[in-house]
Each structure stands twice: as C-alpha cells, then as structure tokens.
N, C-alpha and C. Protein backbone atom coordinates (compact mmCIF):
# COMPACT_ATOMS: atom_id res chain seq x y z
N UNK A 1 26.84 17.88 -19.05
CA UNK A 1 26.97 16.51 -18.58
C UNK A 1 28.42 16.06 -18.79
N UNK A 2 29.04 15.66 -17.72
CA UNK A 2 30.42 15.20 -17.82
C UNK A 2 30.45 13.68 -17.88
N UNK A 3 31.38 13.17 -18.63
CA UNK A 3 31.50 11.72 -18.77
C UNK A 3 32.48 11.18 -17.74
N UNK A 4 31.95 10.82 -16.60
CA UNK A 4 32.78 10.20 -15.58
C UNK A 4 32.84 8.70 -15.86
N UNK A 5 33.68 8.01 -15.10
CA UNK A 5 33.78 6.57 -15.27
C UNK A 5 32.47 5.87 -14.94
N UNK A 6 31.76 6.40 -13.94
CA UNK A 6 30.48 5.82 -13.56
C UNK A 6 29.45 5.99 -14.68
N UNK A 7 29.46 7.15 -15.34
CA UNK A 7 28.51 7.39 -16.43
C UNK A 7 28.83 6.49 -17.62
N UNK A 8 30.11 6.31 -17.92
CA UNK A 8 30.49 5.43 -19.03
C UNK A 8 30.09 3.99 -18.72
N UNK A 9 30.30 3.55 -17.48
CA UNK A 9 29.89 2.20 -17.10
C UNK A 9 28.38 2.05 -17.20
N UNK A 10 27.62 3.07 -16.78
CA UNK A 10 26.17 3.03 -16.89
C UNK A 10 25.72 2.91 -18.34
N UNK A 11 26.32 3.71 -19.20
CA UNK A 11 25.95 3.68 -20.62
C UNK A 11 26.26 2.31 -21.22
N UNK A 12 27.44 1.78 -20.93
CA UNK A 12 27.83 0.47 -21.48
C UNK A 12 26.89 -0.64 -20.97
N UNK A 13 26.64 -0.67 -19.66
CA UNK A 13 25.77 -1.70 -19.11
C UNK A 13 24.34 -1.57 -19.63
N UNK A 14 23.88 -0.35 -19.78
CA UNK A 14 22.53 -0.13 -20.31
C UNK A 14 22.43 -0.60 -21.75
N UNK A 15 23.45 -0.32 -22.54
CA UNK A 15 23.45 -0.78 -23.94
C UNK A 15 23.46 -2.30 -24.02
N UNK A 16 24.24 -2.95 -23.16
CA UNK A 16 24.27 -4.41 -23.17
C UNK A 16 22.90 -4.97 -22.78
N UNK A 17 22.24 -4.36 -21.78
CA UNK A 17 20.91 -4.82 -21.38
C UNK A 17 19.90 -4.62 -22.49
N UNK A 18 19.94 -3.48 -23.15
CA UNK A 18 18.99 -3.20 -24.23
C UNK A 18 19.24 -4.12 -25.42
N UNK A 19 20.50 -4.28 -25.80
CA UNK A 19 20.83 -5.15 -26.93
C UNK A 19 20.47 -6.60 -26.62
N UNK A 20 20.72 -7.03 -25.38
CA UNK A 20 20.33 -8.38 -24.98
C UNK A 20 18.83 -8.59 -25.08
N UNK A 21 18.06 -7.59 -24.65
CA UNK A 21 16.59 -7.68 -24.75
C UNK A 21 16.12 -7.72 -26.20
N UNK A 22 16.73 -6.90 -27.04
CA UNK A 22 16.34 -6.89 -28.46
C UNK A 22 16.71 -8.22 -29.12
N UNK A 23 17.89 -8.75 -28.80
CA UNK A 23 18.28 -10.05 -29.36
C UNK A 23 17.35 -11.16 -28.86
N UNK A 24 16.94 -11.07 -27.61
CA UNK A 24 16.02 -12.05 -27.06
C UNK A 24 14.72 -12.09 -27.86
N UNK A 25 14.26 -10.95 -28.28
CA UNK A 25 13.02 -10.89 -29.07
C UNK A 25 13.23 -11.39 -30.49
N UNK A 26 14.38 -11.09 -31.08
CA UNK A 26 14.58 -11.34 -32.51
C UNK A 26 15.23 -12.66 -32.86
N UNK A 27 15.94 -13.30 -31.94
CA UNK A 27 16.61 -14.56 -32.28
C UNK A 27 15.59 -15.68 -32.44
N UNK A 28 15.94 -16.69 -33.20
CA UNK A 28 15.00 -17.78 -33.46
C UNK A 28 15.36 -19.06 -32.70
N UNK A 29 16.63 -19.28 -32.41
CA UNK A 29 17.01 -20.48 -31.67
C UNK A 29 16.91 -20.22 -30.18
N UNK A 30 16.30 -21.15 -29.47
CA UNK A 30 15.99 -20.96 -28.06
C UNK A 30 17.27 -20.83 -27.22
N UNK A 31 18.28 -21.58 -27.53
CA UNK A 31 19.52 -21.50 -26.76
C UNK A 31 20.17 -20.13 -26.94
N UNK A 32 20.11 -19.58 -28.13
CA UNK A 32 20.64 -18.24 -28.36
C UNK A 32 19.84 -17.20 -27.57
N UNK A 33 18.53 -17.42 -27.47
CA UNK A 33 17.69 -16.51 -26.68
C UNK A 33 18.10 -16.53 -25.21
N UNK A 34 18.39 -17.72 -24.70
CA UNK A 34 18.80 -17.84 -23.30
C UNK A 34 20.14 -17.13 -23.08
N UNK A 35 21.05 -17.22 -24.02
CA UNK A 35 22.34 -16.53 -23.88
C UNK A 35 22.14 -15.02 -23.89
N UNK A 36 21.25 -14.52 -24.76
CA UNK A 36 20.94 -13.09 -24.75
C UNK A 36 20.32 -12.67 -23.43
N UNK A 37 19.49 -13.53 -22.87
CA UNK A 37 18.89 -13.25 -21.57
C UNK A 37 19.94 -13.19 -20.47
N UNK A 38 20.94 -14.06 -20.54
CA UNK A 38 22.02 -14.04 -19.55
C UNK A 38 22.79 -12.72 -19.63
N UNK A 39 23.07 -12.25 -20.85
CA UNK A 39 23.75 -10.96 -20.99
C UNK A 39 22.93 -9.84 -20.36
N UNK A 40 21.61 -9.88 -20.55
CA UNK A 40 20.75 -8.87 -19.96
C UNK A 40 20.79 -8.96 -18.44
N UNK A 41 20.71 -10.17 -17.89
CA UNK A 41 20.74 -10.34 -16.44
C UNK A 41 22.06 -9.85 -15.84
N UNK A 42 23.16 -10.17 -16.47
CA UNK A 42 24.47 -9.77 -15.95
C UNK A 42 24.63 -8.25 -16.01
N UNK A 43 24.14 -7.62 -17.08
CA UNK A 43 24.26 -6.17 -17.16
C UNK A 43 23.37 -5.48 -16.13
N UNK A 44 22.20 -6.06 -15.83
CA UNK A 44 21.36 -5.50 -14.77
C UNK A 44 22.07 -5.64 -13.42
N UNK A 45 22.78 -6.74 -13.21
CA UNK A 45 23.57 -6.90 -11.98
C UNK A 45 24.65 -5.82 -11.91
N UNK A 46 25.26 -5.50 -13.02
CA UNK A 46 26.24 -4.42 -13.04
C UNK A 46 25.60 -3.07 -12.69
N UNK A 47 24.38 -2.85 -13.15
CA UNK A 47 23.68 -1.62 -12.78
C UNK A 47 23.39 -1.58 -11.28
N UNK A 48 23.09 -2.73 -10.70
CA UNK A 48 22.90 -2.78 -9.24
C UNK A 48 24.19 -2.40 -8.52
N UNK A 49 25.32 -2.84 -9.03
CA UNK A 49 26.60 -2.48 -8.41
C UNK A 49 26.80 -0.97 -8.48
N UNK A 50 26.44 -0.35 -9.60
CA UNK A 50 26.55 1.10 -9.72
C UNK A 50 25.65 1.83 -8.73
N UNK A 51 24.56 1.19 -8.33
CA UNK A 51 23.64 1.79 -7.37
C UNK A 51 24.00 1.47 -5.92
N UNK A 52 25.17 0.87 -5.71
CA UNK A 52 25.65 0.46 -4.39
C UNK A 52 24.75 -0.58 -3.75
N UNK A 53 24.17 -1.46 -4.56
CA UNK A 53 23.34 -2.55 -4.06
C UNK A 53 24.04 -3.86 -4.40
N UNK A 54 25.17 -4.09 -3.74
CA UNK A 54 25.99 -5.25 -4.07
C UNK A 54 25.28 -6.57 -3.77
N UNK A 55 24.47 -6.60 -2.72
CA UNK A 55 23.74 -7.82 -2.39
C UNK A 55 22.76 -8.18 -3.51
N UNK A 56 22.04 -7.19 -4.00
CA UNK A 56 21.11 -7.45 -5.11
C UNK A 56 21.86 -7.88 -6.36
N UNK A 57 23.03 -7.33 -6.59
CA UNK A 57 23.82 -7.74 -7.75
C UNK A 57 24.23 -9.20 -7.62
N UNK A 58 24.66 -9.60 -6.43
CA UNK A 58 25.05 -11.00 -6.22
C UNK A 58 23.86 -11.94 -6.37
N UNK A 59 22.71 -11.53 -5.85
CA UNK A 59 21.51 -12.35 -5.99
C UNK A 59 21.10 -12.43 -7.45
N UNK A 60 21.21 -11.32 -8.16
CA UNK A 60 20.88 -11.30 -9.59
C UNK A 60 21.75 -12.30 -10.35
N UNK A 61 23.03 -12.32 -10.06
CA UNK A 61 23.94 -13.25 -10.73
C UNK A 61 23.61 -14.69 -10.35
N UNK A 62 23.48 -14.95 -9.05
CA UNK A 62 23.25 -16.33 -8.59
C UNK A 62 21.90 -16.87 -9.03
N UNK A 63 20.86 -16.11 -8.81
CA UNK A 63 19.51 -16.61 -9.05
C UNK A 63 19.16 -16.55 -10.53
N UNK A 64 19.23 -15.38 -11.12
CA UNK A 64 18.77 -15.25 -12.50
C UNK A 64 19.76 -15.80 -13.50
N UNK A 65 20.98 -15.29 -13.46
CA UNK A 65 21.95 -15.73 -14.47
C UNK A 65 22.32 -17.19 -14.30
N UNK A 66 22.27 -17.69 -13.10
CA UNK A 66 22.61 -19.08 -12.86
C UNK A 66 21.41 -19.99 -12.88
N UNK A 67 20.62 -19.93 -11.84
CA UNK A 67 19.56 -20.92 -11.64
C UNK A 67 18.45 -20.83 -12.67
N UNK A 68 17.94 -19.64 -12.93
CA UNK A 68 16.83 -19.50 -13.87
C UNK A 68 17.26 -19.92 -15.27
N UNK A 69 18.45 -19.56 -15.66
CA UNK A 69 18.94 -19.95 -16.99
C UNK A 69 19.09 -21.46 -17.09
N UNK A 70 19.60 -22.10 -16.06
CA UNK A 70 19.73 -23.56 -16.07
C UNK A 70 18.36 -24.21 -16.14
N UNK A 71 17.40 -23.69 -15.37
CA UNK A 71 16.04 -24.23 -15.43
C UNK A 71 15.46 -24.06 -16.83
N UNK A 72 15.71 -22.92 -17.47
CA UNK A 72 15.20 -22.72 -18.83
C UNK A 72 15.84 -23.70 -19.80
N UNK A 73 17.13 -23.94 -19.64
CA UNK A 73 17.79 -24.90 -20.53
C UNK A 73 17.26 -26.32 -20.31
N UNK A 74 17.00 -26.70 -19.05
CA UNK A 74 16.39 -28.00 -18.79
C UNK A 74 15.00 -28.06 -19.41
N UNK A 75 14.25 -26.98 -19.31
CA UNK A 75 12.92 -26.94 -19.93
C UNK A 75 13.00 -27.11 -21.44
N UNK A 76 14.01 -26.51 -22.04
CA UNK A 76 14.19 -26.65 -23.49
C UNK A 76 14.51 -28.10 -23.83
N UNK A 77 15.36 -28.72 -23.03
CA UNK A 77 15.76 -30.10 -23.32
C UNK A 77 14.61 -31.08 -23.06
N UNK A 78 13.73 -30.77 -22.11
CA UNK A 78 12.66 -31.70 -21.77
C UNK A 78 11.45 -31.58 -22.67
N UNK A 79 11.31 -30.49 -23.37
CA UNK A 79 10.13 -30.31 -24.21
C UNK A 79 10.46 -30.60 -25.66
N UNK A 80 9.41 -30.95 -26.37
CA UNK A 80 9.56 -31.16 -27.81
C UNK A 80 9.26 -29.83 -28.50
N UNK A 81 10.15 -29.40 -29.34
CA UNK A 81 9.91 -28.18 -30.10
C UNK A 81 10.49 -28.36 -31.49
N UNK A 82 9.77 -27.79 -32.44
CA UNK A 82 10.17 -27.90 -33.84
C UNK A 82 10.33 -26.48 -34.36
N UNK A 83 11.55 -26.04 -34.53
CA UNK A 83 11.80 -24.68 -34.99
C UNK A 83 11.52 -24.49 -36.47
N UNK A 84 11.38 -25.57 -37.23
CA UNK A 84 11.21 -25.43 -38.68
C UNK A 84 9.82 -24.94 -39.05
N UNK A 85 8.84 -25.07 -38.16
CA UNK A 85 7.48 -24.65 -38.49
C UNK A 85 7.26 -23.15 -38.32
N UNK A 86 8.14 -22.47 -37.63
CA UNK A 86 7.95 -21.06 -37.38
C UNK A 86 8.40 -20.24 -38.57
N UNK A 87 7.57 -19.23 -38.89
CA UNK A 87 7.90 -18.34 -39.99
C UNK A 87 8.89 -17.29 -39.51
N UNK A 88 9.77 -16.87 -40.40
CA UNK A 88 10.69 -15.79 -40.04
C UNK A 88 9.95 -14.46 -40.19
N UNK A 89 10.33 -13.51 -39.38
CA UNK A 89 9.68 -12.21 -39.41
C UNK A 89 10.08 -11.46 -40.68
N UNK A 90 9.09 -10.80 -41.27
CA UNK A 90 9.34 -10.03 -42.47
C UNK A 90 9.99 -8.69 -42.15
N UNK A 91 10.40 -7.99 -43.18
CA UNK A 91 11.05 -6.70 -43.02
C UNK A 91 10.10 -5.69 -42.39
N UNK A 92 8.83 -5.71 -42.79
CA UNK A 92 7.85 -4.78 -42.26
C UNK A 92 7.69 -4.96 -40.75
N UNK A 93 7.63 -6.21 -40.30
CA UNK A 93 7.48 -6.48 -38.87
C UNK A 93 8.72 -6.02 -38.10
N UNK A 94 9.90 -6.24 -38.66
CA UNK A 94 11.12 -5.80 -37.99
C UNK A 94 11.20 -4.28 -37.91
N UNK A 95 10.77 -3.59 -38.96
CA UNK A 95 10.77 -2.12 -38.94
C UNK A 95 9.78 -1.59 -37.90
N UNK A 96 8.61 -2.22 -37.82
CA UNK A 96 7.62 -1.80 -36.83
C UNK A 96 8.13 -2.06 -35.41
N UNK A 97 8.80 -3.19 -35.23
CA UNK A 97 9.38 -3.51 -33.92
C UNK A 97 10.43 -2.47 -33.54
N UNK A 98 11.30 -2.14 -34.47
CA UNK A 98 12.33 -1.13 -34.21
C UNK A 98 11.71 0.22 -33.91
N UNK A 99 10.66 0.60 -34.66
CA UNK A 99 9.99 1.88 -34.43
C UNK A 99 9.34 1.91 -33.05
N UNK A 100 8.75 0.80 -32.65
CA UNK A 100 8.14 0.73 -31.32
C UNK A 100 9.16 0.85 -30.21
N UNK A 101 10.28 0.15 -30.36
CA UNK A 101 11.35 0.23 -29.35
C UNK A 101 11.94 1.63 -29.31
N UNK A 102 12.19 2.22 -30.46
CA UNK A 102 12.74 3.58 -30.50
C UNK A 102 11.76 4.58 -29.91
N UNK A 103 10.47 4.43 -30.21
CA UNK A 103 9.45 5.32 -29.64
C UNK A 103 9.37 5.20 -28.14
N UNK A 104 9.43 3.98 -27.63
CA UNK A 104 9.42 3.77 -26.19
C UNK A 104 10.64 4.41 -25.54
N UNK A 105 11.81 4.21 -26.15
CA UNK A 105 13.03 4.80 -25.62
C UNK A 105 12.96 6.32 -25.60
N UNK A 106 12.44 6.92 -26.66
CA UNK A 106 12.30 8.38 -26.70
C UNK A 106 11.30 8.87 -25.67
N UNK A 107 10.20 8.14 -25.47
CA UNK A 107 9.21 8.54 -24.47
C UNK A 107 9.80 8.48 -23.06
N UNK A 108 10.56 7.44 -22.78
CA UNK A 108 11.21 7.34 -21.47
C UNK A 108 12.24 8.45 -21.30
N UNK A 109 13.02 8.72 -22.34
CA UNK A 109 14.03 9.78 -22.27
C UNK A 109 13.36 11.13 -22.05
N UNK A 110 12.28 11.41 -22.78
CA UNK A 110 11.59 12.69 -22.63
C UNK A 110 10.98 12.82 -21.24
N UNK A 111 10.51 11.72 -20.68
CA UNK A 111 9.93 11.78 -19.35
C UNK A 111 10.96 11.96 -18.25
N UNK A 112 12.15 11.48 -18.46
CA UNK A 112 13.18 11.54 -17.42
C UNK A 112 14.08 12.76 -17.57
N UNK A 113 14.25 13.28 -18.76
CA UNK A 113 15.25 14.30 -19.04
C UNK A 113 15.09 15.53 -18.14
N UNK A 114 13.91 16.07 -18.05
CA UNK A 114 13.70 17.28 -17.25
C UNK A 114 13.10 16.99 -15.88
N UNK A 115 13.16 15.77 -15.43
CA UNK A 115 12.63 15.40 -14.14
C UNK A 115 13.51 15.97 -13.04
N UNK A 116 12.90 16.69 -12.12
CA UNK A 116 13.66 17.31 -11.04
C UNK A 116 13.40 16.52 -9.76
N UNK A 117 14.37 15.72 -9.38
CA UNK A 117 14.27 14.93 -8.16
C UNK A 117 15.12 15.61 -7.10
N UNK A 118 14.51 16.00 -5.98
CA UNK A 118 15.32 16.65 -4.95
C UNK A 118 16.30 15.67 -4.32
N UNK A 119 17.48 16.17 -4.01
CA UNK A 119 18.53 15.34 -3.42
C UNK A 119 18.20 15.14 -1.94
N UNK A 120 18.21 13.89 -1.52
CA UNK A 120 17.94 13.57 -0.12
C UNK A 120 19.10 12.77 0.44
N UNK A 121 19.33 12.95 1.72
CA UNK A 121 20.36 12.17 2.39
C UNK A 121 19.79 10.78 2.67
N UNK A 122 20.45 9.75 2.16
CA UNK A 122 19.99 8.38 2.38
C UNK A 122 21.12 7.55 2.96
N UNK A 123 20.72 6.44 3.55
CA UNK A 123 21.70 5.49 4.07
C UNK A 123 21.51 4.14 3.40
N UNK A 124 21.07 4.16 2.14
CA UNK A 124 20.82 2.90 1.44
C UNK A 124 22.09 2.12 1.17
N UNK A 125 23.18 2.82 0.94
CA UNK A 125 24.43 2.13 0.62
C UNK A 125 25.13 1.58 1.85
N UNK A 126 24.67 1.93 3.02
CA UNK A 126 25.27 1.44 4.25
C UNK A 126 24.50 0.22 4.75
N UNK A 127 25.14 -0.91 4.76
CA UNK A 127 24.56 -2.13 5.31
C UNK A 127 23.25 -2.49 4.62
N UNK A 128 23.26 -2.47 3.28
CA UNK A 128 22.02 -2.69 2.54
C UNK A 128 21.48 -4.11 2.68
N UNK A 129 22.33 -5.08 2.94
CA UNK A 129 21.85 -6.45 3.12
C UNK A 129 20.97 -6.55 4.36
N UNK A 130 21.37 -5.91 5.43
CA UNK A 130 20.55 -5.92 6.65
C UNK A 130 19.23 -5.21 6.42
N UNK A 131 19.26 -4.09 5.71
CA UNK A 131 18.03 -3.34 5.44
C UNK A 131 17.07 -4.16 4.59
N UNK A 132 17.59 -4.88 3.60
CA UNK A 132 16.75 -5.73 2.77
C UNK A 132 16.14 -6.85 3.60
N UNK A 133 16.96 -7.49 4.44
CA UNK A 133 16.46 -8.56 5.29
C UNK A 133 15.38 -8.10 6.26
N UNK A 134 15.60 -6.95 6.87
CA UNK A 134 14.60 -6.42 7.81
C UNK A 134 13.30 -6.09 7.10
N UNK A 135 13.38 -5.49 5.93
CA UNK A 135 12.16 -5.15 5.19
C UNK A 135 11.46 -6.41 4.68
N UNK A 136 12.25 -7.38 4.19
CA UNK A 136 11.67 -8.59 3.61
C UNK A 136 11.00 -9.46 4.66
N UNK A 137 11.64 -9.63 5.79
CA UNK A 137 11.10 -10.54 6.80
C UNK A 137 10.25 -9.87 7.86
N UNK A 138 10.01 -8.56 7.73
CA UNK A 138 9.09 -7.92 8.67
C UNK A 138 7.90 -7.32 7.94
N UNK A 139 8.15 -6.45 6.98
CA UNK A 139 7.05 -5.78 6.29
C UNK A 139 6.45 -6.61 5.15
N UNK A 140 7.26 -7.44 4.49
CA UNK A 140 6.82 -8.12 3.28
C UNK A 140 6.89 -9.64 3.40
N UNK A 141 6.66 -10.18 4.57
CA UNK A 141 6.79 -11.63 4.75
C UNK A 141 5.69 -12.40 4.02
N UNK A 142 4.46 -11.88 4.00
CA UNK A 142 3.35 -12.59 3.34
C UNK A 142 3.59 -12.67 1.83
N UNK A 143 3.89 -11.57 1.13
CA UNK A 143 4.17 -11.71 -0.31
C UNK A 143 5.38 -12.60 -0.59
N UNK A 144 6.38 -12.58 0.28
CA UNK A 144 7.57 -13.42 0.11
C UNK A 144 7.18 -14.89 0.17
N UNK A 145 6.39 -15.27 1.16
CA UNK A 145 5.98 -16.66 1.30
C UNK A 145 5.01 -17.07 0.19
N UNK A 146 4.13 -16.18 -0.23
CA UNK A 146 3.22 -16.49 -1.34
C UNK A 146 4.00 -16.71 -2.64
N UNK A 147 5.06 -15.96 -2.83
CA UNK A 147 5.90 -16.15 -4.01
C UNK A 147 6.56 -17.52 -3.98
N UNK A 148 7.02 -17.95 -2.81
CA UNK A 148 7.65 -19.28 -2.73
C UNK A 148 6.63 -20.38 -2.99
N UNK A 149 5.39 -20.22 -2.52
CA UNK A 149 4.34 -21.21 -2.79
C UNK A 149 4.02 -21.22 -4.29
N UNK A 150 3.97 -20.06 -4.92
CA UNK A 150 3.70 -19.97 -6.36
C UNK A 150 4.80 -20.67 -7.16
N UNK A 151 6.05 -20.45 -6.79
CA UNK A 151 7.16 -21.11 -7.49
C UNK A 151 7.12 -22.62 -7.29
N UNK A 152 6.75 -23.07 -6.10
CA UNK A 152 6.63 -24.50 -5.84
C UNK A 152 5.51 -25.10 -6.69
N UNK A 153 4.38 -24.40 -6.80
CA UNK A 153 3.27 -24.88 -7.63
C UNK A 153 3.69 -24.96 -9.10
N UNK A 154 4.46 -23.98 -9.57
CA UNK A 154 4.93 -24.01 -10.96
C UNK A 154 5.88 -25.18 -11.18
N UNK A 155 6.74 -25.47 -10.22
CA UNK A 155 7.66 -26.60 -10.33
C UNK A 155 6.90 -27.92 -10.38
N UNK A 156 5.91 -28.07 -9.52
CA UNK A 156 5.10 -29.30 -9.51
C UNK A 156 4.34 -29.44 -10.84
N UNK A 157 3.80 -28.32 -11.32
CA UNK A 157 3.10 -28.35 -12.61
C UNK A 157 4.00 -28.75 -13.76
N UNK A 158 5.23 -28.25 -13.77
CA UNK A 158 6.18 -28.61 -14.82
C UNK A 158 6.53 -30.09 -14.76
N UNK A 159 6.67 -30.63 -13.55
CA UNK A 159 6.97 -32.06 -13.41
C UNK A 159 5.80 -32.89 -13.91
N UNK A 160 4.58 -32.50 -13.57
CA UNK A 160 3.39 -33.24 -14.03
C UNK A 160 3.28 -33.20 -15.54
N UNK A 161 3.52 -32.03 -16.14
CA UNK A 161 3.45 -31.92 -17.60
C UNK A 161 4.54 -32.76 -18.27
N UNK A 162 5.73 -32.77 -17.70
CA UNK A 162 6.82 -33.57 -18.28
C UNK A 162 6.49 -35.06 -18.17
N UNK A 163 5.91 -35.49 -17.06
CA UNK A 163 5.52 -36.89 -16.91
C UNK A 163 4.43 -37.27 -17.90
N UNK A 164 3.47 -36.36 -18.10
CA UNK A 164 2.38 -36.63 -19.02
C UNK A 164 2.90 -36.81 -20.44
N UNK A 165 3.88 -35.99 -20.85
CA UNK A 165 4.48 -36.13 -22.18
C UNK A 165 5.20 -37.48 -22.31
N UNK A 166 5.91 -37.90 -21.25
CA UNK A 166 6.59 -39.19 -21.29
C UNK A 166 5.60 -40.34 -21.42
N UNK A 167 4.48 -40.27 -20.70
CA UNK A 167 3.47 -41.33 -20.77
C UNK A 167 2.83 -41.39 -22.14
N UNK A 168 2.58 -40.23 -22.76
CA UNK A 168 2.02 -40.21 -24.11
C UNK A 168 3.01 -40.77 -25.11
N UNK A 169 4.28 -40.45 -24.94
CA UNK A 169 5.31 -40.95 -25.84
C UNK A 169 5.42 -42.47 -25.75
N UNK A 170 5.33 -43.00 -24.51
CA UNK A 170 5.40 -44.45 -24.34
C UNK A 170 4.17 -45.12 -24.91
N UNK A 171 3.01 -44.49 -24.84
CA UNK A 171 1.77 -45.06 -25.38
C UNK A 171 1.79 -45.12 -26.90
N UNK A 172 2.50 -44.19 -27.55
CA UNK A 172 2.58 -44.17 -29.01
C UNK A 172 3.48 -45.28 -29.53
N UNK A 173 4.45 -45.69 -28.73
CA UNK A 173 5.41 -46.72 -29.19
C UNK A 173 4.85 -48.03 -29.06
C-alpha cells in the first residue's frame, strides 16, 4: 500500500469524522455536541470530494453543516434543558463504549480488507449533478416528495410543541 496524497487525505478526513462522532457521543454540553457534529459533516463532505462527487459535497456543506446545525441550535435555544441533572458516565461505561467502537472498527476492517471488487469502467465522475437530478426526479420522485412532506410535518410539530411550552409558561406566571 503506497501513501499517496489521496490516501493521506482519506485517512485524515476519516479520522476527523470518527473523532467527531466519538466526541458527539461523549460530550455533555449540547453546543459542543453540535460543533463535533459539524466537524463530522464537513469531513464527510471532504470524503465526497475524494469520490469525485462535488455536488454532494456542496449539498453536504450547505444543508447539513449549515441549515441542520442552525436548526439544532435554535432547538437548543427554544427548549428548556437542565444539564445539572444528568449523571456523568463512569469509567466502566467509557471502557465498554471504547471496546464497542474498537470492535466495530475491527469488524468493518476485517470485512473490507480482503474484499475483491472487480474494477469497472464508470462515468460517475462525469457530469454527476445531471446524473443525480435525472435519477432523483425520474426514478425516485415519490420517496423524494414523501421526505419533503415528512420534514414539513416535523417542522409543524416542532412549532406546535414550542407554542405549547410558551402557553404553559404563561399559565404558570
């Protein structure tokens, strides 16, 4: 195995994604969790660039790192949360968590290491935005529209819950 620039970039981006995911699980402050999530999202966008999927990388940055993170921060600001009631994880739980993550990583590595994938000629890197659009709006239009309806329902539900909390707060005063 030779260490090319692409391999070094892959290793670095993968480590940032893994570390961001681990920090997301282990951090206790919600804002710090969101920052770890942003690091994970940005590193996944970098992996998309390595796969010659620049459109997906741009969408990953715009949608996930931007919009979803802002929505999560608004959700944090709109909800009442008390971090003092949560217990900190003990050493035993952290060791078990690390063992589980390491075991999963080893299982994935063992499954991929000797995998023989035949090389095929593809045109995925050529005009991938058009290919995504054609597949999305022809073959997968129903799931795409159902996803938009689901997101709209979640947004309406969040607004209703936020209003209900405000009404209860006003009733207590």
